[in-house]
């Protein structure tokens, strides 16, 4: 159960991963809830390291849901990754890629296909 603390029976409170990638980006991290811009359903809980726009989502920074969080342990190549799609309307959110500078698997996000909102690390997110 690495990376999370049980808050109660229905919710999980996640904690930041602190490693060489977060330190390389200044140590500033925040949790983001990613939503589909078409149907507004929740796609993922993600840890964003450093400043700047959200261009890609690294697999090792996806905390929830478990089907996405577990992708970092499966395969190991871009060929084995599915597209990142909304589970509700199947809209394309991102395509698999390898970030060459760090040799990390990620999803290259489609601009305008998602909405991001700051999070406290709780999953599932509270309805607003």
C-alpha atoms as a PDB file:
ATOM      1  CA  UNK A   1       0.000   0.000   0.000  1.00  0.00           C
ATOM      2  CA  UNK A   2       2.852   2.357  -0.865  1.00  0.00           C
ATOM      3  CA  UNK A   3       1.887   5.960  -1.545  1.00  0.00           C
ATOM      4  CA  UNK A   4      -1.432   5.988   0.255  1.00  0.00           C
ATOM      5  CA  UNK A   5      -2.897   6.164   3.723  1.00  0.00           C
ATOM      6  CA  UNK A   6      -6.354   4.808   4.424  1.00  0.00           C
ATOM      7  CA  UNK A   7      -8.645   7.643   5.478  1.00  0.00           C
ATOM      8  CA  UNK A   8     -11.794   5.561   5.962  1.00  0.00           C
ATOM      9  CA  UNK A   9     -13.574   2.675   4.264  1.00  0.00           C
ATOM     10  CA  UNK A  10     -14.469   4.569   1.095  1.00  0.00           C
ATOM     11  CA  UNK A  11     -11.646   7.054   0.600  1.00  0.00           C
ATOM     12  CA  UNK A  12      -7.877   6.827   0.226  1.00  0.00           C
ATOM     13  CA  UNK A  13      -5.556   9.694   1.131  1.00  0.00           C
ATOM     14  CA  UNK A  14      -2.416   9.621  -1.000  1.00  0.00           C
ATOM     15  CA  UNK A  15       0.997  11.055  -0.139  1.00  0.00           C
ATOM     16  CA  UNK A  16       3.495  12.641  -2.523  1.00  0.00           C
ATOM     17  CA  UNK A  17       6.236  10.583  -4.098  1.00  0.00           C
ATOM     18  CA  UNK A  18       9.562  12.258  -3.387  1.00  0.00           C
ATOM     19  CA  UNK A  19      12.302  11.008  -5.672  1.00  0.00           C
ATOM     20  CA  UNK A  20      14.914  12.256  -8.109  1.00  0.00           C
ATOM     21  CA  UNK A  21      12.233  13.382 -10.588  1.00  0.00           C
ATOM     22  CA  UNK A  22      10.419  15.620  -8.111  1.00  0.00           C
ATOM     23  CA  UNK A  23      13.726  16.995  -6.823  1.00  0.00           C
ATOM     24  CA  UNK A  24      14.863  17.760 -10.383  1.00  0.00           C
ATOM     25  CA  UNK A  25      11.745  19.894 -10.810  1.00  0.00           C
ATOM     26  CA  UNK A  26      12.327  21.937  -7.679  1.00  0.00           C
ATOM     27  CA  UNK A  27      10.503  19.771  -5.147  1.00  0.00           C
ATOM     28  CA  UNK A  28       7.188  21.548  -5.741  1.00  0.00           C
ATOM     29  CA  UNK A  29       4.415  18.996  -6.177  1.00  0.00           C
ATOM     30  CA  UNK A  30       0.638  19.113  -6.193  1.00  0.00           C
ATOM     31  CA  UNK A  31      -2.152  16.636  -6.698  1.00  0.00           C
ATOM     32  CA  UNK A  32      -4.482  17.178  -9.648  1.00  0.00           C
ATOM     33  CA  UNK A  33      -7.802  15.584 -10.426  1.00  0.00           C
ATOM     34  CA  UNK A  34      -8.066  15.075 -14.179  1.00  0.00           C
ATOM     35  CA  UNK A  35     -11.562  15.124 -15.689  1.00  0.00           C
ATOM     36  CA  UNK A  36     -12.854  14.485 -19.209  1.00  0.00           C
ATOM     37  CA  UNK A  37     -13.800  17.793 -20.834  1.00  0.00           C
ATOM     38  CA  UNK A  38     -16.614  16.120 -22.807  1.00  0.00           C
ATOM     39  CA  UNK A  39     -18.622  14.415 -20.057  1.00  0.00           C
ATOM     40  CA  UNK A  40     -16.906  15.792 -16.908  1.00  0.00           C
ATOM     41  CA  UNK A  41     -16.241  12.323 -15.451  1.00  0.00           C
ATOM     42  CA  UNK A  42     -13.126  11.686 -13.358  1.00  0.00           C
ATOM     43  CA  UNK A  43     -10.186  10.198 -15.268  1.00  0.00           C
ATOM     44  CA  UNK A  44      -7.247  10.154 -12.835  1.00  0.00           C
ATOM     45  CA  UNK A  45      -5.590  11.457  -9.674  1.00  0.00           C
ATOM     46  CA  UNK A  46      -2.145  12.698 -10.697  1.00  0.00           C
ATOM     47  CA  UNK A  47       0.915  14.175  -8.958  1.00  0.00           C
ATOM     48  CA  UNK A  48       2.263  17.138 -10.930  1.00  0.00           C
ATOM     49  CA  UNK A  49       5.875  17.992 -10.166  1.00  0.00           C
ATOM     50  CA  UNK A  50       7.208  21.467 -10.819  1.00  0.00           C
ATOM     51  CA  UNK A  51       5.749  24.512 -12.547  1.00  0.00           C
ATOM     52  CA  UNK A  52       4.400  24.756 -16.051  1.00  0.00           C
ATOM     53  CA  UNK A  53       1.600  23.374 -18.152  1.00  0.00           C
ATOM     54  CA  UNK A  54       0.396  19.795 -17.922  1.00  0.00           C
ATOM     55  CA  UNK A  55       1.652  18.330 -21.207  1.00  0.00           C
ATOM     56  CA  UNK A  56       2.206  14.704 -20.253  1.00  0.00           C
ATOM     57  CA  UNK A  57       1.225  12.378 -17.429  1.00  0.00           C
ATOM     58  CA  UNK A  58       3.968  10.023 -16.261  1.00  0.00           C
ATOM     59  CA  UNK A  59       2.705   6.566 -15.354  1.00  0.00           C
ATOM     60  CA  UNK A  60       4.605   6.558 -12.057  1.00  0.00           C
ATOM     61  CA  UNK A  61       2.696   9.691 -10.970  1.00  0.00           C
ATOM     62  CA  UNK A  62      -0.814   8.341 -11.569  1.00  0.00           C
ATOM     63  CA  UNK A  63      -2.279   7.332  -8.199  1.00  0.00           C
ATOM     64  CA  UNK A  64      -5.862   6.375  -9.055  1.00  0.00           C
ATOM     65  CA  UNK A  65      -7.931   4.673 -10.344  1.00  0.00           C
ATOM     66  CA  UNK A  66      -6.097   1.410  -9.828  1.00  0.00           C
ATOM     67  CA  UNK A  67      -6.416   0.270 -13.462  1.00  0.00           C
ATOM     68  CA  UNK A  68      -4.337   3.303 -14.523  1.00  0.00           C
ATOM     69  CA  UNK A  69      -2.027   3.311 -11.499  1.00  0.00           C
ATOM     70  CA  UNK A  70      -1.096  -0.331 -12.138  1.00  0.00           C
ATOM     71  CA  UNK A  71      -0.001   0.361 -15.732  1.00  0.00           C
ATOM     72  CA  UNK A  72       3.453   1.349 -14.467  1.00  0.00           C
ATOM     73  CA  UNK A  73       4.030  -2.257 -13.384  1.00  0.00           C
ATOM     74  CA  UNK A  74       2.790  -3.919 -16.563  1.00  0.00           C
ATOM     75  CA  UNK A  75       4.658  -4.219 -19.818  1.00  0.00           C
ATOM     76  CA  UNK A  76       7.444  -1.752 -19.827  1.00  0.00           C
ATOM     77  CA  UNK A  77       7.146  -0.450 -23.365  1.00  0.00           C
ATOM     78  CA  UNK A  78       4.987   2.013 -25.217  1.00  0.00           C
ATOM     79  CA  UNK A  79       3.576  -0.777 -27.391  1.00  0.00           C
ATOM     80  CA  UNK A  80       1.929  -2.425 -24.392  1.00  0.00           C
ATOM     81  CA  UNK A  81       0.101   0.725 -23.259  1.00  0.00           C
ATOM     82  CA  UNK A  82      -3.461   1.551 -24.280  1.00  0.00           C
ATOM     83  CA  UNK A  83      -4.570   5.078 -25.139  1.00  0.00           C
ATOM     84  CA  UNK A  84      -5.756   7.136 -22.182  1.00  0.00           C
ATOM     85  CA  UNK A  85      -9.506   7.371 -22.684  1.00  0.00           C
ATOM     86  CA  UNK A  86     -12.477   8.482 -20.636  1.00  0.00           C
ATOM     87  CA  UNK A  87     -14.111   5.400 -19.141  1.00  0.00           C
ATOM     88  CA  UNK A  88     -17.535   6.990 -19.555  1.00  0.00           C
ATOM     89  CA  UNK A  89     -17.641   8.499 -23.081  1.00  0.00           C
ATOM     90  CA  UNK A  90     -14.410   6.946 -24.473  1.00  0.00           C
ATOM     91  CA  UNK A  91     -13.029  10.328 -25.556  1.00  0.00           C
ATOM     92  CA  UNK A  92      -9.281  10.304 -26.242  1.00  0.00           C
ATOM     93  CA  UNK A  93      -7.389  12.081 -23.449  1.00  0.00           C
ATOM     94  CA  UNK A  94      -3.803  11.005 -24.211  1.00  0.00           C
ATOM     95  CA  UNK A  95      -1.518   8.767 -26.260  1.00  0.00           C
ATOM     96  CA  UNK A  96       1.262   6.540 -24.902  1.00  0.00           C
ATOM     97  CA  UNK A  97       4.812   7.810 -25.242  1.00  0.00           C
ATOM     98  CA  UNK A  98       8.300   7.473 -23.831  1.00  0.00           C
ATOM     99  CA  UNK A  99       9.823  10.696 -22.508  1.00  0.00           C
ATOM    100  CA  UNK A 100      13.299  10.179 -23.939  1.00  0.00           C
ATOM    101  CA  UNK A 101      15.253  12.503 -21.606  1.00  0.00           C
ATOM    102  CA  UNK A 102      14.329  10.403 -18.576  1.00  0.00           C
ATOM    103  CA  UNK A 103      13.285   7.185 -20.325  1.00  0.00           C
ATOM    104  CA  UNK A 104       9.880   7.277 -18.581  1.00  0.00           C
ATOM    105  CA  UNK A 105       6.567   5.988 -19.843  1.00  0.00           C
ATOM    106  CA  UNK A 106       3.890   8.657 -20.062  1.00  0.00           C
ATOM    107  CA  UNK A 107       0.694   9.738 -21.778  1.00  0.00           C
ATOM    108  CA  UNK A 108       1.008  12.745 -24.110  1.00  0.00           C
ATOM    109  CA  UNK A 109      -2.161  14.687 -23.344  1.00  0.00           C
ATOM    110  CA  UNK A 110      -4.481  16.010 -26.032  1.00  0.00           C
ATOM    111  CA  UNK A 111      -4.935  19.765 -25.466  1.00  0.00           C
ATOM    112  CA  UNK A 112      -8.528  20.616 -24.574  1.00  0.00           C
ATOM    113  CA  UNK A 113      -9.517  16.978 -23.922  1.00  0.00           C
ATOM    114  CA  UNK A 114      -9.199  17.269 -20.141  1.00  0.00           C
ATOM    115  CA  UNK A 115      -9.903  19.582 -17.223  1.00  0.00           C
ATOM    116  CA  UNK A 116      -7.553  19.703 -14.247  1.00  0.00           C
ATOM    117  CA  UNK A 117      -8.472  20.732 -10.729  1.00  0.00           C
ATOM    118  CA  UNK A 118      -6.291  20.917  -7.632  1.00  0.00           C
ATOM    119  CA  UNK A 119      -6.775  18.077  -5.204  1.00  0.00           C
ATOM    120  CA  UNK A 120      -5.898  17.196  -1.621  1.00  0.00           C
ATOM    121  CA  UNK A 121      -4.896  13.672  -2.630  1.00  0.00           C
ATOM    122  CA  UNK A 122      -8.199  12.021  -1.687  1.00  0.00           C
ATOM    123  CA  UNK A 123      -9.658   9.398  -3.990  1.00  0.00           C
ATOM    124  CA  UNK A 124     -12.377   9.254  -5.101  1.00  0.00           C
ATOM    125  CA  UNK A 125     -12.722  13.043  -5.357  1.00  0.00           C
ATOM    126  CA  UNK A 126     -15.573  14.716  -3.540  1.00  0.00           C
ATOM    127  CA  UNK A 127     -18.399  15.870  -5.775  1.00  0.00           C
ATOM    128  CA  UNK A 128     -18.323  19.641  -6.201  1.00  0.00           C
END
